């Protein structure tokens, strides 16, 4: 089964056993997370398709929380020429790794 879920303002195509990084969720490692915003459910070969408008009622996708973490640092640079204006700011985005059940 393939599903499309929405979490953190993004949509993910998932199937059983997938491990993915999503925006930070309030869970600890080993906890169970339930995604209730399911947009699509179907077989891998294209049969038995259910499409939500926008979500499918009473269908959920469960996952286990693997780890909490932070991504690599990125540099945000502001620069204006001729006026000696430079600003450098770093950012590390928090994420949660989940394994789809």
N, C-alpha and C. Protein backbone atom coordinates (compact mmCIF):
# COMPACT_ATOMS: atom_id res chain seq x y z
N UNK A 1 0.83 -1.18 0.00
CA UNK A 1 0.00 0.00 0.00
C UNK A 1 0.88 1.25 0.00
N UNK A 2 0.49 2.22 -0.81
CA UNK A 2 1.15 3.51 -0.86
C UNK A 2 0.16 4.56 -0.36
N UNK A 3 0.65 5.49 0.44
CA UNK A 3 -0.18 6.56 0.95
C UNK A 3 0.51 7.89 0.75
N UNK A 4 -0.28 8.93 0.67
CA UNK A 4 0.24 10.29 0.66
C UNK A 4 -0.29 10.95 1.93
N UNK A 5 0.64 11.39 2.80
CA UNK A 5 0.25 12.03 4.06
C UNK A 5 0.74 13.47 4.04
N UNK A 6 0.11 14.27 4.89
CA UNK A 6 0.52 15.67 5.03
C UNK A 6 0.89 15.91 6.48
N UNK A 7 2.07 16.47 6.69
CA UNK A 7 2.51 16.87 8.02
C UNK A 7 3.53 17.99 7.89
N UNK A 8 3.45 18.94 8.76
CA UNK A 8 4.39 20.05 8.73
C UNK A 8 4.27 20.92 7.49
N UNK A 9 3.08 20.93 6.85
CA UNK A 9 2.87 21.74 5.66
C UNK A 9 3.44 21.13 4.40
N UNK A 10 3.90 19.87 4.48
CA UNK A 10 4.47 19.19 3.32
C UNK A 10 3.76 17.87 3.11
N UNK A 11 3.81 17.36 1.90
CA UNK A 11 3.19 16.08 1.57
C UNK A 11 4.28 15.05 1.28
N UNK A 12 4.08 13.83 1.78
CA UNK A 12 5.05 12.77 1.63
C UNK A 12 4.37 11.52 1.08
N UNK A 13 5.04 10.85 0.12
CA UNK A 13 4.58 9.55 -0.37
C UNK A 13 5.27 8.50 0.48
N UNK A 14 4.48 7.67 1.18
CA UNK A 14 5.05 6.69 2.10
C UNK A 14 4.47 5.31 1.85
N UNK A 15 5.24 4.30 2.24
CA UNK A 15 4.76 2.92 2.26
C UNK A 15 5.34 2.26 3.49
N UNK A 16 4.89 1.10 3.81
CA UNK A 16 5.29 0.41 5.02
C UNK A 16 6.80 0.17 5.03
N UNK A 17 7.43 0.51 6.15
CA UNK A 17 8.87 0.31 6.31
C UNK A 17 9.73 1.51 5.97
N UNK A 18 9.16 2.55 5.39
CA UNK A 18 9.93 3.74 5.04
C UNK A 18 10.36 4.51 6.28
N UNK A 19 11.55 5.07 6.24
CA UNK A 19 12.04 5.96 7.29
C UNK A 19 12.21 7.32 6.65
N UNK A 20 11.55 8.34 7.22
CA UNK A 20 11.65 9.67 6.63
C UNK A 20 11.79 10.73 7.70
N UNK A 21 12.33 11.86 7.28
CA UNK A 21 12.49 13.01 8.17
C UNK A 21 11.35 13.98 7.92
N UNK A 22 10.64 14.32 8.98
CA UNK A 22 9.55 15.29 8.89
C UNK A 22 9.85 16.44 9.83
N UNK A 23 9.08 17.50 9.72
CA UNK A 23 9.23 18.62 10.65
C UNK A 23 9.06 18.12 12.07
N UNK A 24 9.67 18.80 13.02
CA UNK A 24 9.72 18.32 14.40
C UNK A 24 8.32 18.05 14.96
N UNK A 25 8.17 16.86 15.55
CA UNK A 25 6.94 16.45 16.21
C UNK A 25 7.19 16.30 17.70
N UNK A 26 6.15 16.46 18.50
CA UNK A 26 6.28 16.31 19.94
C UNK A 26 6.18 14.83 20.31
N UNK A 27 7.29 14.12 20.19
CA UNK A 27 7.34 12.71 20.56
C UNK A 27 8.76 12.36 20.96
N UNK A 28 8.90 11.28 21.71
CA UNK A 28 10.21 10.79 22.10
C UNK A 28 10.52 9.54 21.29
N UNK A 29 11.77 9.13 21.27
CA UNK A 29 12.17 7.94 20.52
C UNK A 29 11.42 6.73 21.06
N UNK A 30 10.79 5.98 20.16
CA UNK A 30 10.04 4.80 20.56
C UNK A 30 8.53 5.03 20.65
N UNK A 31 8.09 6.27 20.67
CA UNK A 31 6.66 6.58 20.73
C UNK A 31 5.99 6.29 19.39
N UNK A 32 4.68 6.11 19.44
CA UNK A 32 3.89 5.91 18.23
C UNK A 32 3.24 7.22 17.82
N UNK A 33 3.34 7.54 16.54
CA UNK A 33 2.76 8.76 15.98
C UNK A 33 1.70 8.36 14.98
N UNK A 34 0.56 9.07 14.99
CA UNK A 34 -0.51 8.80 14.05
C UNK A 34 -0.71 10.01 13.16
N UNK A 35 -0.65 9.78 11.85
CA UNK A 35 -0.91 10.84 10.88
C UNK A 35 -2.34 10.69 10.39
N UNK A 36 -3.18 11.69 10.67
CA UNK A 36 -4.59 11.59 10.29
C UNK A 36 -4.91 12.37 9.01
N UNK A 37 -3.98 13.15 8.51
CA UNK A 37 -4.20 13.88 7.26
C UNK A 37 -3.68 13.03 6.10
N UNK A 38 -4.51 12.09 5.67
CA UNK A 38 -4.17 11.18 4.58
C UNK A 38 -4.91 11.64 3.34
N UNK A 39 -4.17 11.91 2.26
CA UNK A 39 -4.76 12.43 1.03
C UNK A 39 -5.06 11.33 0.01
N UNK A 40 -4.32 10.23 0.06
CA UNK A 40 -4.42 9.20 -0.97
C UNK A 40 -3.99 7.86 -0.39
N UNK A 41 -4.70 6.80 -0.76
CA UNK A 41 -4.32 5.44 -0.41
C UNK A 41 -4.54 4.58 -1.64
N UNK A 42 -3.56 3.73 -1.95
CA UNK A 42 -3.71 2.85 -3.11
C UNK A 42 -2.67 1.76 -3.12
N UNK A 43 -2.88 0.76 -3.98
CA UNK A 43 -1.91 -0.31 -4.16
C UNK A 43 -0.74 0.18 -4.99
N UNK A 44 0.37 -0.55 -4.91
CA UNK A 44 1.55 -0.16 -5.68
C UNK A 44 1.35 -0.36 -7.18
N UNK A 45 0.46 -1.27 -7.57
CA UNK A 45 0.23 -1.51 -9.00
C UNK A 45 -0.87 -0.62 -9.58
N UNK A 46 -1.42 0.29 -8.78
CA UNK A 46 -2.40 1.25 -9.29
C UNK A 46 -3.84 0.85 -9.07
N UNK A 47 -4.10 -0.25 -8.40
CA UNK A 47 -5.47 -0.67 -8.14
C UNK A 47 -5.93 -0.27 -6.75
N UNK A 48 -7.23 -0.37 -6.51
CA UNK A 48 -7.84 -0.09 -5.20
C UNK A 48 -7.45 1.30 -4.69
N UNK A 49 -7.75 2.32 -5.46
CA UNK A 49 -7.35 3.69 -5.16
C UNK A 49 -8.46 4.42 -4.42
N UNK A 50 -8.08 5.13 -3.35
CA UNK A 50 -9.00 6.01 -2.63
C UNK A 50 -8.35 7.38 -2.58
N UNK A 51 -9.10 8.39 -3.02
CA UNK A 51 -8.60 9.75 -3.11
C UNK A 51 -9.46 10.64 -2.23
N UNK A 52 -8.85 11.42 -1.36
CA UNK A 52 -9.59 12.28 -0.45
C UNK A 52 -9.91 13.63 -1.05
N UNK A 53 -10.86 14.33 -0.42
CA UNK A 53 -11.25 15.67 -0.88
C UNK A 53 -11.29 16.64 0.30
N UNK A 54 -10.26 17.16 0.86
CA UNK A 54 -8.87 16.87 0.57
C UNK A 54 -8.33 15.68 1.36
N UNK A 55 -8.98 15.29 2.48
CA UNK A 55 -8.47 14.19 3.29
C UNK A 55 -9.46 13.03 3.31
N UNK A 56 -8.93 11.85 3.59
CA UNK A 56 -9.77 10.67 3.72
C UNK A 56 -10.22 10.55 5.18
N UNK A 57 -11.53 10.53 5.43
CA UNK A 57 -11.99 10.43 6.81
C UNK A 57 -11.75 9.02 7.36
N UNK A 58 -11.45 8.93 8.63
CA UNK A 58 -11.29 7.68 9.37
C UNK A 58 -10.16 6.79 8.87
N UNK A 59 -9.25 7.32 8.06
CA UNK A 59 -8.07 6.55 7.64
C UNK A 59 -6.85 7.25 8.22
N UNK A 60 -6.00 6.47 8.90
CA UNK A 60 -4.80 7.02 9.51
C UNK A 60 -3.60 6.18 9.11
N UNK A 61 -2.43 6.78 9.22
CA UNK A 61 -1.16 6.09 8.99
C UNK A 61 -0.38 6.18 10.29
N UNK A 62 0.04 5.03 10.82
CA UNK A 62 0.78 5.04 12.07
C UNK A 62 2.27 4.86 11.79
N UNK A 63 3.08 5.44 12.67
CA UNK A 63 4.52 5.38 12.54
C UNK A 63 5.13 5.40 13.93
N UNK A 64 6.36 4.95 14.03
CA UNK A 64 7.07 5.01 15.29
C UNK A 64 8.18 6.06 15.17
N UNK A 65 8.35 6.81 16.23
CA UNK A 65 9.36 7.86 16.26
C UNK A 65 10.72 7.21 16.47
N UNK A 66 11.64 7.42 15.54
CA UNK A 66 12.97 6.82 15.63
C UNK A 66 13.92 7.73 16.40
N UNK A 67 13.97 9.00 16.04
CA UNK A 67 14.91 9.92 16.69
C UNK A 67 14.51 11.36 16.44
N UNK A 68 14.96 12.23 17.33
CA UNK A 68 14.85 13.67 17.15
C UNK A 68 16.24 14.17 16.77
N UNK A 69 16.32 15.19 15.97
CA UNK A 69 17.64 15.70 15.58
C UNK A 69 17.56 17.07 14.95
N UNK A 70 18.73 17.53 14.53
CA UNK A 70 18.82 18.81 13.83
C UNK A 70 19.66 18.61 12.58
N UNK A 71 19.26 19.26 11.51
CA UNK A 71 19.95 19.12 10.23
C UNK A 71 21.27 19.87 10.25
N UNK A 72 22.04 19.73 9.19
CA UNK A 72 23.30 20.44 9.07
C UNK A 72 23.06 21.95 9.03
N UNK A 73 24.05 22.68 9.46
CA UNK A 73 23.93 24.13 9.50
C UNK A 73 24.01 24.71 8.09
N UNK A 74 23.12 25.67 7.83
CA UNK A 74 23.20 26.44 6.60
C UNK A 74 23.55 27.87 6.96
N UNK A 75 24.15 28.57 6.03
CA UNK A 75 24.51 29.97 6.25
C UNK A 75 23.56 30.85 5.45
N UNK A 76 22.98 31.83 6.12
CA UNK A 76 22.12 32.81 5.48
C UNK A 76 22.90 34.12 5.43
N UNK A 77 23.16 34.59 4.22
CA UNK A 77 24.01 35.76 4.05
C UNK A 77 23.20 36.90 3.45
N UNK A 78 23.30 38.06 4.08
CA UNK A 78 22.73 39.29 3.52
C UNK A 78 23.90 40.18 3.10
N UNK A 79 23.79 40.75 1.92
CA UNK A 79 24.89 41.55 1.41
C UNK A 79 24.34 42.66 0.53
N UNK A 80 24.84 43.88 0.76
CA UNK A 80 24.51 45.00 -0.12
C UNK A 80 25.81 45.63 -0.56
N UNK A 81 25.97 45.73 -1.85
CA UNK A 81 27.21 46.26 -2.37
C UNK A 81 27.29 47.77 -2.16
N UNK A 82 28.49 48.28 -2.12
CA UNK A 82 28.82 49.71 -2.05
C UNK A 82 28.49 50.37 -0.73
N UNK A 83 27.88 49.68 0.22
CA UNK A 83 27.54 50.33 1.49
C UNK A 83 28.13 49.59 2.69
N UNK A 84 29.04 48.63 2.43
CA UNK A 84 29.72 47.87 3.48
C UNK A 84 28.74 47.17 4.42
N UNK A 85 27.68 46.61 3.86
CA UNK A 85 26.67 45.93 4.67
C UNK A 85 26.78 44.42 4.43
N UNK A 86 27.14 43.68 5.47
CA UNK A 86 27.21 42.22 5.40
C UNK A 86 26.67 41.64 6.69
N UNK A 87 25.83 40.63 6.59
CA UNK A 87 25.33 39.92 7.77
C UNK A 87 25.37 38.43 7.46
N UNK A 88 25.84 37.63 8.38
CA UNK A 88 25.87 36.18 8.23
C UNK A 88 25.14 35.58 9.41
N UNK A 89 24.21 34.70 9.11
CA UNK A 89 23.38 34.08 10.14
C UNK A 89 23.33 32.59 9.86
N UNK A 90 23.49 31.77 10.89
CA UNK A 90 23.42 30.32 10.72
C UNK A 90 22.07 29.79 11.17
N UNK A 91 21.67 28.63 10.62
CA UNK A 91 20.38 28.03 10.99
C UNK A 91 20.50 26.51 10.92
N UNK A 92 19.95 25.82 11.92
CA UNK A 92 19.85 24.36 11.91
C UNK A 92 18.39 24.00 12.14
N UNK A 93 17.77 23.35 11.17
CA UNK A 93 16.36 22.99 11.24
C UNK A 93 16.17 21.71 12.06
N UNK A 94 15.23 21.73 12.98
CA UNK A 94 14.93 20.55 13.79
C UNK A 94 14.06 19.59 12.97
N UNK A 95 14.26 18.28 13.18
CA UNK A 95 13.49 17.28 12.47
C UNK A 95 13.21 16.09 13.37
N UNK A 96 12.27 15.27 12.95
CA UNK A 96 11.95 14.01 13.61
C UNK A 96 12.02 12.91 12.56
N UNK A 97 12.76 11.84 12.86
CA UNK A 97 12.80 10.68 11.97
C UNK A 97 11.71 9.72 12.42
N UNK A 98 10.87 9.29 11.47
CA UNK A 98 9.79 8.35 11.78
C UNK A 98 9.88 7.15 10.83
N UNK A 99 9.48 5.99 11.35
CA UNK A 99 9.43 4.77 10.54
C UNK A 99 7.97 4.37 10.39
N UNK A 100 7.50 4.28 9.15
CA UNK A 100 6.11 3.98 8.87
C UNK A 100 5.85 2.50 9.18
N UNK A 101 4.76 2.26 9.91
CA UNK A 101 4.42 0.88 10.30
C UNK A 101 3.70 0.15 9.20
